[in-house]
Amino acid sequence: MATKAAASNSMDVSYFEKEDERLKPILSWTKQDVAEWIGKMGFPYYQDCFRCNEITGRKLILVDASTLCKLGITDYKHIKYIAKEIRKLLKIGEPKCNVSIADIPRDIKELYLEQKSQTGKRADSLILKEFCETTQDEVWQPPLSNIIQIITHNGKDDMP
């Protein structure tokens, strides 16, 4: 998977510290905090959906439009709005709907948030600067499905 880790070299350290500080309270939200946030957006009738499904700040990272449907939210405009507000809260971009569903390049911040959505000492101690420095850039190429290898009877490889 490709990342934008190289971009971390050009960002100053204060960006990483500010971003970690900004995310810390969101990651510590309880299911009640998330429900209150949903209510403040104008959707008090969805608060129980989030509480009953134990959606905390860490789990909110993984909530997208398809998850909202599974939580019981069926109004398309509401799904669209709530998903947009979650992305805005976490400062992540729009989903890339016009690209292949194969293993596409992912933004470094999205990968970081995915790691922070986990529980445990490793996730708790992970900071954005460290994550960017240790995550390697890879050149992404689409999967090639039309390459074959021909093996002859004597076991040697013959390529046309």
Protein backbone atom coordinates (compact mmCIF):
# COMPACT_ATOMS: atom_id res chain seq x y z
CA MET A 1 0.00 0.00 0.00
CA ALA A 2 1.39 3.36 -0.89
CA THR A 3 1.51 6.22 1.52
CA LYS A 4 2.52 9.82 1.59
CA ALA A 5 5.21 9.31 4.24
CA ALA A 6 7.65 11.33 2.20
CA ALA A 7 5.43 14.33 2.83
CA SER A 8 6.22 14.02 6.53
CA ASN A 9 9.73 15.30 5.86
CA SER A 10 8.34 18.60 4.62
CA MET A 11 5.85 19.07 7.50
CA ASP A 12 7.20 20.74 10.60
CA VAL A 13 7.16 19.00 13.95
CA SER A 14 4.54 21.33 15.41
CA TYR A 15 1.99 20.05 12.87
CA PHE A 16 2.34 16.51 14.25
CA GLU A 17 2.15 17.65 17.86
CA LYS A 18 -0.89 19.83 17.20
CA GLU A 19 -2.67 17.06 15.32
CA ASP A 20 -2.02 14.50 18.08
CA GLU A 21 -3.26 16.99 20.69
CA ARG A 22 -6.37 17.75 18.60
CA LEU A 23 -7.20 14.03 18.21
CA LYS A 24 -6.53 13.00 21.82
CA PRO A 25 -9.89 14.16 23.25
CA ILE A 26 -11.84 12.68 20.32
CA LEU A 27 -10.15 9.29 20.76
CA SER A 28 -11.10 9.30 24.44
CA TRP A 29 -14.81 9.98 23.80
CA THR A 30 -17.17 7.51 25.46
CA LYS A 31 -20.26 6.17 23.71
CA GLN A 32 -22.20 8.88 25.57
CA ASP A 33 -19.87 11.61 24.24
CA VAL A 34 -20.35 10.35 20.68
CA ALA A 35 -24.13 10.21 21.17
CA GLU A 36 -24.13 13.79 22.47
CA TRP A 37 -22.09 14.92 19.44
CA ILE A 38 -24.65 13.25 17.14
CA GLY A 39 -27.44 14.99 19.05
CA LYS A 40 -25.75 18.39 18.75
CA MET A 41 -25.63 17.89 14.98
CA GLY A 42 -29.41 17.78 15.01
CA PHE A 43 -29.95 14.02 15.13
CA PRO A 44 -31.05 13.24 18.71
CA TYR A 45 -33.14 10.34 17.39
CA TYR A 46 -29.89 8.55 16.29
CA GLN A 47 -28.21 8.80 19.69
CA ASP A 48 -29.47 5.38 20.75
CA CYS A 49 -28.11 3.84 17.52
CA PHE A 50 -24.61 4.95 18.53
CA ARG A 51 -24.99 4.09 22.24
CA CYS A 52 -26.44 0.61 21.61
CA ASN A 53 -23.66 -0.18 19.15
CA GLU A 54 -21.00 0.99 21.63
CA ILE A 55 -19.55 3.60 19.24
CA THR A 56 -16.74 5.36 21.13
CA GLY A 57 -14.28 7.94 19.81
CA ARG A 58 -11.90 5.18 18.69
CA LYS A 59 -14.67 3.30 16.92
CA LEU A 60 -15.93 6.51 15.31
CA ILE A 61 -12.74 6.49 13.22
CA LEU A 62 -14.00 3.38 11.44
CA VAL A 63 -17.55 4.63 10.86
CA ASP A 64 -18.39 5.48 7.27
CA ALA A 65 -21.57 5.62 5.19
CA SER A 66 -21.91 1.83 4.96
CA THR A 67 -21.43 1.49 8.73
CA LEU A 68 -24.14 4.06 9.38
CA CYS A 69 -26.60 1.88 7.45
CA LYS A 70 -25.68 -1.08 9.64
CA LEU A 71 -26.29 1.06 12.73
CA GLY A 72 -29.88 1.57 11.61
CA ILE A 73 -29.64 4.96 9.92
CA THR A 74 -31.57 4.67 6.65
CA ASP A 75 -32.13 8.23 5.43
CA TYR A 76 -29.59 8.80 2.64
CA LYS A 77 -29.24 12.54 3.31
CA HIS A 78 -28.60 11.87 7.00
CA ILE A 79 -26.03 9.18 6.17
CA LYS A 80 -24.26 11.53 3.79
CA TYR A 81 -24.27 14.40 6.28
CA ILE A 82 -23.10 12.36 9.29
CA ALA A 83 -20.33 10.65 7.28
CA LYS A 84 -19.16 14.09 6.07
CA GLU A 85 -19.15 15.44 9.64
CA ILE A 86 -17.10 12.46 10.87
CA ARG A 87 -14.52 13.08 8.11
CA LYS A 88 -14.52 16.79 8.99
CA LEU A 89 -14.05 16.04 12.70
CA LEU A 90 -11.12 13.75 11.96
CA LYS A 91 -9.83 15.98 9.14
CA ILE A 92 -9.69 13.22 6.55
CA GLY A 93 -10.57 13.56 2.89
CA GLU A 94 -13.51 12.43 0.84
CA PRO A 95 -13.63 8.75 -0.09
CA LYS A 96 -12.23 8.07 -3.52
CA CYS A 97 -15.31 6.77 -5.33
CA ASN A 98 -13.98 7.01 -8.87
CA VAL A 99 -10.97 4.69 -8.51
CA SER A 100 -10.47 0.96 -8.73
CA ILE A 101 -11.45 -1.11 -5.70
CA ALA A 102 -8.08 -2.87 -5.94
CA ASP A 103 -5.49 -1.99 -3.30
CA ILE A 104 -5.38 1.76 -3.93
CA PRO A 105 -2.91 4.20 -2.37
CA ARG A 106 -4.05 5.45 1.01
CA ASP A 107 -3.39 8.70 2.77
CA ILE A 108 -0.90 8.52 5.65
CA LYS A 109 -3.35 10.17 8.06
CA GLU A 110 -6.05 7.60 7.27
CA LEU A 111 -3.56 4.80 7.99
CA TYR A 112 -2.56 6.49 11.25
CA LEU A 113 -6.17 6.86 12.39
CA GLU A 114 -6.81 3.21 11.54
CA GLN A 115 -3.97 2.26 13.91
CA LYS A 116 -5.27 4.66 16.60
CA SER A 117 -8.73 3.06 16.40
CA GLN A 118 -7.26 -0.01 18.11
CA THR A 119 -6.99 -0.34 21.87
CA GLY A 120 -3.90 -1.15 23.86
CA LYS A 121 -0.55 0.32 24.84
CA ARG A 122 0.84 0.38 21.29
CA ALA A 123 -2.11 2.37 19.91
CA ASP A 124 -2.17 4.66 22.95
CA SER A 125 1.52 5.53 22.64
CA LEU A 126 1.55 5.92 18.85
CA ILE A 127 2.09 9.49 17.68
CA LEU A 128 1.63 10.85 14.17
CA LYS A 129 5.25 11.98 13.68
CA GLU A 130 6.60 8.57 14.65
CA PHE A 131 4.04 6.81 12.47
CA CYS A 132 4.97 8.94 9.43
CA GLU A 133 8.68 8.30 9.97
CA THR A 134 8.30 4.53 10.28
CA THR A 135 5.72 3.94 7.56
CA GLN A 136 7.48 3.19 4.32
CA ASP A 137 6.46 4.54 0.95
CA GLU A 138 5.75 1.87 -1.61
CA VAL A 139 5.16 2.31 -5.29
CA TRP A 140 1.60 1.24 -5.93
CA GLN A 141 0.81 -0.66 -9.09
CA PRO A 142 -2.50 -2.24 -10.00
CA PRO A 143 -2.62 -6.02 -9.73
CA LEU A 144 -1.67 -7.70 -12.97
CA SER A 145 -3.92 -10.62 -13.72
CA ASN A 146 -2.92 -11.38 -17.30
CA ILE A 147 0.67 -12.52 -16.69
CA ILE A 148 1.24 -16.26 -16.96
CA GLN A 149 4.28 -18.47 -16.81
CA ILE A 150 4.60 -21.42 -19.16
CA ILE A 151 6.36 -24.48 -17.75
CA THR A 152 7.51 -27.04 -20.27
CA HIS A 153 7.70 -30.80 -19.77
CA ASN A 154 11.38 -30.68 -18.86
CA GLY A 155 10.60 -28.24 -16.02
CA LYS A 156 12.39 -25.27 -17.53
CA ASP A 157 10.65 -21.95 -17.80
CA ASP A 158 9.83 -20.70 -21.28
CA MET A 159 8.63 -17.16 -21.63
CA PRO A 160 7.24 -16.16 -25.04
